[in-house]
N, C-alpha and C. Protein backbone atom coordinates (compact mmCIF):
# COMPACT_ATOMS: atom_id res chain seq x y z
N MET A 1 81.87 73.51 107.41
CA MET A 1 82.09 73.02 105.75
C MET A 1 80.89 72.66 105.08
N ASN A 2 80.10 72.04 106.14
CA ASN A 2 79.06 71.14 105.17
C ASN A 2 77.78 72.46 104.76
N PHE A 3 77.67 73.38 105.16
CA PHE A 3 77.01 74.55 105.01
C PHE A 3 77.20 74.97 103.55
N VAL A 4 77.98 74.60 102.96
CA VAL A 4 78.14 75.27 101.55
C VAL A 4 77.75 74.19 100.49
N PHE A 5 77.77 73.07 101.32
CA PHE A 5 77.22 71.84 100.36
C PHE A 5 75.76 72.07 99.44
N PRO A 6 75.02 72.69 100.09
CA PRO A 6 73.83 72.77 99.32
C PRO A 6 74.14 73.40 98.00
N PHE A 7 74.88 74.48 97.99
CA PHE A 7 75.40 75.29 97.17
C PHE A 7 76.17 74.78 96.01
N PHE A 8 77.32 73.55 96.55
CA PHE A 8 77.68 72.83 95.43
C PHE A 8 76.79 71.81 94.75
N LYS A 9 75.80 71.30 95.47
CA LYS A 9 74.89 70.62 95.06
C LYS A 9 73.95 71.23 93.98
N TRP A 10 73.87 72.47 94.31
CA TRP A 10 72.83 73.25 93.42
C TRP A 10 73.88 73.74 91.78
N VAL A 11 74.81 74.10 92.25
CA VAL A 11 75.76 73.88 91.12
C VAL A 11 75.72 72.79 90.06
N GLY A 12 75.99 71.78 90.94
CA GLY A 12 75.91 70.51 89.83
C GLY A 12 74.46 70.14 89.21
N SER A 13 73.62 70.84 89.57
CA SER A 13 72.46 70.56 89.29
C SER A 13 72.02 71.50 87.83
N THR A 14 72.67 72.62 87.61
CA THR A 14 72.25 73.49 86.88
C THR A 14 72.22 73.09 85.54
N SER A 15 71.70 73.94 84.36
CA SER A 15 71.58 73.55 83.22
C SER A 15 72.63 73.45 82.42
N ILE A 16 74.06 74.55 82.95
CA ILE A 16 75.37 74.25 82.39
C ILE A 16 75.99 73.28 82.66
N SER A 17 75.94 72.87 84.14
CA SER A 17 76.45 71.56 84.16
C SER A 17 75.77 70.25 83.57
N LYS A 18 74.52 70.58 83.27
CA LYS A 18 74.14 69.09 82.59
C LYS A 18 74.63 69.19 80.74
N VAL A 19 74.84 70.69 80.45
CA VAL A 19 75.14 70.86 78.92
C VAL A 19 76.87 70.22 78.80
N ILE A 20 77.24 70.38 79.78
CA ILE A 20 78.92 70.43 80.40
C ILE A 20 78.90 68.65 80.15
N ASN A 21 78.04 68.27 81.04
CA ASN A 21 78.90 66.51 81.15
C ASN A 21 78.01 65.99 80.02
N ASP A 22 76.79 66.21 79.18
CA ASP A 22 76.31 65.72 78.53
C ASP A 22 77.12 65.93 77.25
N SER A 23 77.94 66.50 77.19
CA SER A 23 78.78 66.51 75.95
C SER A 23 80.15 66.04 75.94
N ASN A 24 80.50 65.28 75.01
CA ASN A 24 81.83 64.39 74.57
C ASN A 24 82.76 65.69 74.76
N TRP A 25 82.88 66.65 73.86
CA TRP A 25 84.14 67.61 73.73
C TRP A 25 83.88 68.43 74.40
N LEU A 26 82.95 69.30 75.30
CA LEU A 26 82.65 70.36 75.69
C LEU A 26 83.73 70.70 76.87
N PHE A 27 83.87 69.52 77.88
CA PHE A 27 84.91 69.57 79.19
C PHE A 27 86.12 69.55 78.55
N PRO A 28 86.67 68.77 77.80
CA PRO A 28 87.99 68.81 77.18
C PRO A 28 88.36 70.32 76.73
N ALA A 29 87.40 70.81 75.95
CA ALA A 29 87.74 72.17 75.24
C ALA A 29 87.79 72.98 76.30
N ILE A 30 87.08 73.26 77.35
CA ILE A 30 86.94 74.02 78.62
C ILE A 30 88.14 74.13 79.06
N GLU A 31 88.73 72.98 79.52
CA GLU A 31 89.89 72.43 80.00
C GLU A 31 90.72 73.01 79.17
N ALA A 32 91.08 72.80 77.58
CA ALA A 32 92.35 73.30 77.20
C ALA A 32 92.56 74.60 77.68
N VAL A 33 91.46 75.41 77.23
CA VAL A 33 91.22 77.11 77.22
C VAL A 33 91.59 77.36 78.66
N HIS A 34 91.06 76.88 79.58
CA HIS A 34 91.95 76.91 81.23
C HIS A 34 93.06 76.72 81.24
N ILE A 35 93.69 75.77 80.82
CA ILE A 35 95.22 75.47 80.50
C ILE A 35 95.99 76.35 79.94
N VAL A 36 95.52 76.97 78.91
CA VAL A 36 96.21 77.78 78.00
C VAL A 36 96.08 79.12 79.02
N ALA A 37 95.08 79.61 79.12
CA ALA A 37 94.85 80.82 79.82
C ALA A 37 95.96 80.92 81.07
N LEU A 38 95.98 79.93 81.78
CA LEU A 38 96.58 79.46 82.82
C LEU A 38 98.56 79.59 82.56
N ALA A 39 98.52 79.30 81.44
CA ALA A 39 99.91 79.53 81.17
C ALA A 39 100.39 80.53 80.77
N LEU A 40 99.43 81.16 80.09
CA LEU A 40 99.63 82.73 79.83
C LEU A 40 99.62 83.51 80.72
N LEU A 41 98.78 83.38 82.05
CA LEU A 41 99.16 84.29 82.79
C LEU A 41 100.28 83.85 83.62
N PHE A 42 100.70 82.69 83.85
CA PHE A 42 101.82 82.07 84.48
C PHE A 42 103.00 82.72 83.47
N GLY A 43 103.16 82.69 82.68
CA GLY A 43 104.11 83.12 81.51
C GLY A 43 104.48 84.79 81.76
N ALA A 44 103.44 85.41 81.77
CA ALA A 44 103.43 86.83 82.26
C ALA A 44 104.19 87.19 83.49
N ALA A 45 103.17 86.39 84.40
CA ALA A 45 103.96 86.90 85.82
C ALA A 45 105.27 86.37 85.87
N LEU A 46 105.46 84.95 85.30
CA LEU A 46 107.04 84.93 85.67
C LEU A 46 108.23 85.94 84.89
N VAL A 47 107.85 86.08 83.97
CA VAL A 47 108.58 87.27 83.37
C VAL A 47 108.81 88.56 83.99
N LEU A 48 107.50 89.14 84.53
CA LEU A 48 107.81 90.18 85.44
C LEU A 48 108.46 90.10 86.64
N ASN A 49 108.31 88.75 87.28
CA ASN A 49 109.28 88.62 88.70
C ASN A 49 110.37 88.03 88.36
N LEU A 50 111.03 87.39 87.20
CA LEU A 50 112.32 87.24 86.93
C LEU A 50 112.77 88.35 86.63
N ARG A 51 112.22 89.73 85.97
CA ARG A 51 112.63 90.63 86.07
C ARG A 51 112.85 91.52 87.03
N LEU A 52 112.12 91.28 88.21
CA LEU A 52 111.94 91.92 89.72
C LEU A 52 113.65 91.14 90.24
N LEU A 53 113.57 90.38 89.85
CA LEU A 53 114.88 89.07 90.27
C LEU A 53 116.00 89.74 89.57
N GLY A 54 115.94 90.31 88.66
CA GLY A 54 117.08 90.89 88.08
C GLY A 54 117.62 89.83 87.15
N VAL A 55 117.23 88.94 86.80
CA VAL A 55 117.21 87.34 86.25
C VAL A 55 117.63 87.48 84.44
N MET A 56 116.29 88.57 83.93
CA MET A 56 116.08 88.87 82.78
C MET A 56 115.59 89.95 82.33
N LEU A 57 116.04 90.77 80.85
CA LEU A 57 115.34 91.93 80.59
C LEU A 57 115.65 93.03 81.33
N ARG A 58 117.28 92.71 81.94
CA ARG A 58 117.63 94.14 82.92
C ARG A 58 117.58 95.43 82.41
N GLY A 59 117.65 95.52 80.81
CA GLY A 59 117.54 96.88 80.46
C GLY A 59 115.92 97.57 80.04
N VAL A 60 115.23 96.46 80.61
CA VAL A 60 113.92 97.09 80.78
C VAL A 60 113.29 97.76 82.02
N PRO A 61 112.85 98.97 82.06
CA PRO A 61 112.55 98.95 83.60
C PRO A 61 111.22 98.26 83.99
N VAL A 62 111.20 97.84 85.04
CA VAL A 62 110.12 96.86 85.59
C VAL A 62 108.72 97.66 85.32
N SER A 63 108.52 98.97 85.71
CA SER A 63 107.61 99.14 85.90
C SER A 63 107.09 99.44 84.12
N ARG A 64 107.76 99.78 83.40
CA ARG A 64 107.29 99.66 81.71
C ARG A 64 106.83 98.01 81.48
N LEU A 65 107.46 96.98 81.98
CA LEU A 65 107.13 95.90 81.55
C LEU A 65 106.22 95.43 82.09
N ALA A 66 105.85 95.93 83.58
CA ALA A 66 104.64 95.67 84.16
C ALA A 66 103.23 96.19 83.28
N ARG A 67 103.41 97.17 82.78
CA ARG A 67 102.57 97.84 82.29
C ARG A 67 102.02 97.06 80.76
N GLU A 68 103.28 97.01 80.06
CA GLU A 68 103.06 95.78 79.06
C GLU A 68 102.60 94.48 79.31
N LEU A 69 102.78 94.07 80.22
CA LEU A 69 102.30 92.40 80.79
C LEU A 69 100.68 92.66 81.17
N ALA A 70 100.37 93.91 81.61
CA ALA A 70 98.82 94.07 82.21
C ALA A 70 98.04 93.36 81.61
N PRO A 71 97.81 93.72 80.39
CA PRO A 71 96.25 93.32 79.57
C PRO A 71 96.51 92.02 79.68
N TRP A 72 97.57 91.17 79.14
CA TRP A 72 97.77 89.99 79.07
C TRP A 72 97.50 89.06 80.48
N THR A 73 98.02 89.56 81.52
CA THR A 73 97.83 88.78 82.98
C THR A 73 96.28 89.17 83.36
N PHE A 74 95.56 90.24 82.97
CA PHE A 74 93.97 90.33 83.21
C PHE A 74 93.42 89.86 82.27
N CYS A 75 93.53 89.57 81.04
CA CYS A 75 92.91 88.83 80.00
C CYS A 75 92.78 87.31 80.38
N SER A 76 93.92 86.81 80.50
CA SER A 76 94.02 86.10 81.01
C SER A 76 93.52 85.16 82.32
N LEU A 77 93.78 85.84 83.36
CA LEU A 77 93.19 85.72 84.21
C LEU A 77 91.51 85.60 84.03
N ILE A 78 90.64 86.73 83.65
CA ILE A 78 89.46 86.46 83.37
C ILE A 78 89.00 85.17 82.76
N ALA A 79 89.91 84.69 81.68
CA ALA A 79 89.51 83.38 80.96
C ALA A 79 89.64 82.45 81.76
N ILE A 80 90.68 82.52 82.80
CA ILE A 80 91.00 81.34 83.66
C ILE A 80 89.29 81.49 84.85
N LEU A 81 89.13 82.46 85.08
CA LEU A 81 88.09 82.51 86.00
C LEU A 81 86.95 81.94 85.58
N ALA A 82 86.73 82.24 84.06
CA ALA A 82 85.52 81.89 83.52
C ALA A 82 85.56 80.07 82.97
N SER A 83 86.64 79.93 82.78
CA SER A 83 86.69 78.48 82.47
C SER A 83 86.68 77.78 83.69
N GLY A 84 87.46 78.22 84.51
CA GLY A 84 87.31 77.68 85.81
C GLY A 84 85.85 77.22 86.69
N ALA A 85 84.99 78.50 86.45
CA ALA A 85 83.82 78.34 86.84
C ALA A 85 82.72 77.46 86.10
N LEU A 86 82.87 76.93 84.48
CA LEU A 86 82.60 76.28 83.97
C LEU A 86 82.79 74.91 84.53
N LEU A 87 84.37 74.54 84.55
CA LEU A 87 84.85 73.25 85.02
C LEU A 87 84.04 73.24 86.47
N PHE A 88 84.31 73.95 87.47
CA PHE A 88 83.97 73.84 88.53
C PHE A 88 82.01 73.23 88.38
N ALA A 89 81.62 73.88 87.29
CA ALA A 89 80.03 73.47 87.60
C ALA A 89 79.37 71.85 87.13
N SER A 90 80.82 71.60 86.33
CA SER A 90 80.43 70.53 85.80
C SER A 90 80.55 69.11 86.59
N GLU A 91 81.78 69.82 88.07
CA GLU A 91 81.91 68.51 88.66
C GLU A 91 81.98 69.46 90.07
N ALA A 92 80.74 70.21 90.25
CA ALA A 92 80.68 70.85 91.85
C ALA A 92 80.78 69.98 93.02
N VAL A 93 79.97 68.85 92.97
CA VAL A 93 79.89 67.68 94.26
C VAL A 93 81.45 67.27 94.41
N LYS A 94 81.86 66.88 92.87
CA LYS A 94 83.00 66.28 93.25
C LYS A 94 83.96 67.43 93.74
N SER A 95 83.91 68.20 93.36
CA SER A 95 84.89 69.69 93.96
C SER A 95 84.97 69.82 95.36
N PHE A 96 83.52 69.36 95.73
CA PHE A 96 83.29 69.60 97.24
C PHE A 96 84.10 68.71 97.98
N TYR A 97 84.37 67.68 97.84
CA TYR A 97 84.85 66.82 98.25
C TYR A 97 86.37 66.73 98.10
N SER A 98 86.95 67.31 97.58
CA SER A 98 88.41 67.56 96.66
C SER A 98 89.09 68.57 97.27
N VAL A 99 90.22 68.03 98.74
CA VAL A 99 90.88 68.84 98.87
C VAL A 99 92.02 69.61 98.30
N PRO A 100 92.59 69.19 97.00
CA PRO A 100 93.44 70.05 96.18
C PRO A 100 92.46 70.89 95.56
N PHE A 101 91.06 70.69 95.39
CA PHE A 101 90.45 71.89 94.94
C PHE A 101 90.54 72.87 95.55
N ARG A 102 90.21 72.47 97.33
CA ARG A 102 90.46 73.85 98.32
C ARG A 102 91.17 74.72 98.57
N VAL A 103 92.22 73.71 98.36
CA VAL A 103 93.48 74.70 98.13
C VAL A 103 93.92 75.04 96.77
N LYS A 104 93.48 74.47 96.06
CA LYS A 104 93.52 75.41 94.66
C LYS A 104 93.14 76.93 94.71
N ILE A 105 91.82 76.78 95.28
CA ILE A 105 90.93 78.00 95.44
C ILE A 105 91.66 79.13 96.34
N VAL A 106 91.96 78.64 97.56
CA VAL A 106 92.92 79.45 98.67
C VAL A 106 94.00 80.14 97.79
N LEU A 107 94.83 79.07 97.24
CA LEU A 107 96.03 79.50 96.78
C LEU A 107 95.66 80.84 95.67
N LEU A 108 94.36 80.77 94.80
CA LEU A 108 94.07 81.53 93.65
C LEU A 108 94.04 82.76 94.30
N LEU A 109 92.95 82.44 95.44
CA LEU A 109 92.73 84.05 96.22
C LEU A 109 93.92 84.72 96.39
N PHE A 110 94.71 84.00 97.38
CA PHE A 110 96.11 84.42 97.55
C PHE A 110 97.07 85.18 96.49
N ALA A 111 97.28 84.20 95.38
CA ALA A 111 98.10 84.72 94.40
C ALA A 111 97.44 85.72 93.56
N ILE A 112 95.94 86.08 93.58
CA ILE A 112 95.56 87.33 92.80
C ILE A 112 95.70 88.38 93.63
N VAL A 113 95.00 88.38 94.79
CA VAL A 113 95.49 89.61 95.89
C VAL A 113 96.66 90.23 96.01
N PHE A 114 97.79 89.13 96.14
CA PHE A 114 98.95 89.57 96.25
C PHE A 114 99.43 90.05 94.88
N HIS A 115 99.26 89.68 93.92
CA HIS A 115 99.69 90.15 92.61
C HIS A 115 98.98 91.64 92.26
N TYR A 116 97.85 91.57 92.74
CA TYR A 116 97.32 93.01 92.64
C TYR A 116 97.32 94.10 93.35
N THR A 117 98.14 93.83 94.46
CA THR A 117 98.31 94.69 95.85
C THR A 117 100.12 94.55 95.97
N VAL A 118 100.90 93.70 96.59
CA VAL A 118 101.74 94.03 96.44
C VAL A 118 102.73 94.16 95.14
N GLY A 119 102.55 93.05 94.90
CA GLY A 119 103.28 93.02 93.22
C GLY A 119 102.87 93.99 91.96
N ARG A 120 102.03 94.52 92.51
CA ARG A 120 101.53 95.66 91.59
C ARG A 120 102.40 96.91 91.76
N LYS A 121 102.00 97.18 93.46
CA LYS A 121 102.73 98.13 93.96
C LYS A 121 104.07 98.02 93.68
N VAL A 122 104.76 97.33 93.74
CA VAL A 122 106.23 97.07 94.02
C VAL A 122 106.82 97.62 92.28
N SER A 123 106.02 96.64 91.29
CA SER A 123 106.30 96.37 89.98
C SER A 123 106.27 97.97 89.39
N LEU A 124 105.27 98.47 90.01
CA LEU A 124 105.07 100.27 89.39
C LEU A 124 105.65 101.06 90.04
N MET A 125 106.47 101.00 91.35
CA MET A 125 107.44 101.66 91.66
C MET A 125 108.41 102.04 91.12
N GLU A 126 109.10 103.53 91.31
CA GLU A 126 110.82 103.46 90.48
C GLU A 126 111.86 102.69 91.12
N GLU A 127 112.38 102.09 90.65
CA GLU A 127 113.47 100.70 90.71
C GLU A 127 114.37 101.51 91.94
N ASP A 128 114.34 102.43 91.74
CA ASP A 128 115.65 103.31 92.98
C ASP A 128 114.57 103.21 94.44
N ARG A 129 113.11 103.23 94.32
CA ARG A 129 112.34 103.40 95.42
C ARG A 129 112.10 101.81 95.88
N VAL A 130 112.78 101.03 95.21
CA VAL A 130 112.20 99.65 96.40
C VAL A 130 113.86 99.00 96.52
N THR A 131 113.75 98.48 97.54
CA THR A 131 114.85 97.85 98.04
C THR A 131 115.03 96.31 97.38
N PRO A 132 116.09 96.06 97.05
CA PRO A 132 116.50 94.74 96.27
C PRO A 132 115.90 93.99 97.07
N LEU A 133 116.37 93.91 98.07
CA LEU A 133 115.57 92.31 99.51
C LEU A 133 114.29 92.59 98.68
N PHE A 134 113.14 93.61 98.87
CA PHE A 134 111.87 93.47 98.97
C PHE A 134 111.44 93.04 97.59
N GLY A 135 112.34 93.46 96.49
CA GLY A 135 111.76 93.25 95.46
C GLY A 135 111.82 92.12 95.12
N LYS A 136 112.72 91.19 95.35
CA LYS A 136 113.35 89.53 94.90
C LYS A 136 112.34 89.07 96.28
N VAL A 137 112.01 89.32 96.97
CA VAL A 137 111.14 88.57 97.91
C VAL A 137 109.74 88.81 97.07
N THR A 138 109.56 89.44 96.99
CA THR A 138 107.83 89.89 96.03
C THR A 138 107.91 89.22 94.90
N ALA A 139 108.87 89.02 94.07
CA ALA A 139 108.82 87.93 92.85
C ALA A 139 109.06 86.70 93.26
N ILE A 140 109.68 85.98 94.32
CA ILE A 140 109.69 85.01 94.73
C ILE A 140 108.55 84.42 95.04
N VAL A 141 107.78 85.17 95.99
CA VAL A 141 106.67 84.98 96.61
C VAL A 141 105.35 84.63 95.43
N GLY A 142 105.52 85.62 94.29
CA GLY A 142 104.94 85.85 92.96
C GLY A 142 104.73 84.51 92.68
N ILE A 143 106.15 83.99 92.25
CA ILE A 143 106.26 83.00 91.57
C ILE A 143 105.68 81.50 92.23
N VAL A 144 106.20 81.30 93.45
CA VAL A 144 105.60 80.23 94.48
C VAL A 144 104.13 80.32 94.42
N LEU A 145 103.51 81.38 94.79
CA LEU A 145 102.10 81.70 94.40
C LEU A 145 101.29 81.19 93.16
N TRP A 146 101.78 81.29 91.81
CA TRP A 146 101.35 80.86 90.71
C TRP A 146 101.67 79.78 90.57
N LEU A 147 102.72 79.03 90.75
CA LEU A 147 102.81 77.84 90.65
C LEU A 147 102.49 76.84 91.22
N SER A 148 101.93 77.39 92.81
CA SER A 148 101.39 76.25 93.58
C SER A 148 99.95 76.12 93.30
N VAL A 149 99.61 77.64 92.48
CA VAL A 149 97.89 77.29 91.83
C VAL A 149 97.87 76.36 90.91
N GLY A 150 99.01 76.26 90.30
CA GLY A 150 99.09 75.41 89.24
C GLY A 150 99.41 73.74 89.68
N PHE A 151 100.02 73.99 90.50
CA PHE A 151 100.27 72.19 90.75
C PHE A 151 98.60 71.73 91.44
N ALA A 152 98.44 72.83 92.45
CA ALA A 152 97.40 72.30 93.10
C ALA A 152 96.14 71.96 92.27
N GLY A 153 95.76 72.67 91.01
CA GLY A 153 94.77 72.34 90.13
C GLY A 153 95.02 71.31 89.27
N ARG A 154 96.34 70.90 89.05
CA ARG A 154 96.51 69.64 88.80
C ARG A 154 96.59 68.40 89.33
N ALA A 155 96.72 68.56 91.03
CA ALA A 155 96.44 67.59 91.80
C ALA A 155 94.78 67.48 91.98
N ILE A 156 94.15 68.34 91.34
CA ILE A 156 92.70 67.83 91.80
C ILE A 156 92.66 66.66 90.83
N ALA A 157 92.92 66.22 89.54
CA ALA A 157 92.99 65.21 88.87
C ALA A 157 93.33 63.84 89.37
N PHE A 158 94.03 63.99 90.45
CA PHE A 158 94.62 62.60 90.69
C PHE A 158 94.15 62.32 92.45
N PHE A 159 93.49 63.43 93.01
CA PHE A 159 93.35 63.15 94.65
C PHE A 159 91.52 63.27 94.43
């Protein structure tokens, strides 16, 4: 894993990193955007997955709900990735040594891939074509992945 350390070190020495680290308010402002975007993303994913579980909005077709929430999910994901890149730049070397950071990145990749492959396919299918068990398992996996990303991100501050 040491072969990536030069990249982390380089990112930590960029002008973006210096600007963020030299400011008293920039890091907290970026972190606030990051957390709000995560809340929006998780909220949209939670509503969709709870609908897949049959817990809420039973009168709304899953495919319609998925289409309506897609822009919220996508825009909040872009905001998370952009703000996360800035936060990473400000603490790149520290991130290299952080196990929760590594876990978060892996979980984030899994969550994104799962959401835009299995989750998307299941949520856009006609409801009578998805077995209830598969829909529920898909929903639970989606919820667990996004929650895990949030918990791993929060753990970065403590470990």
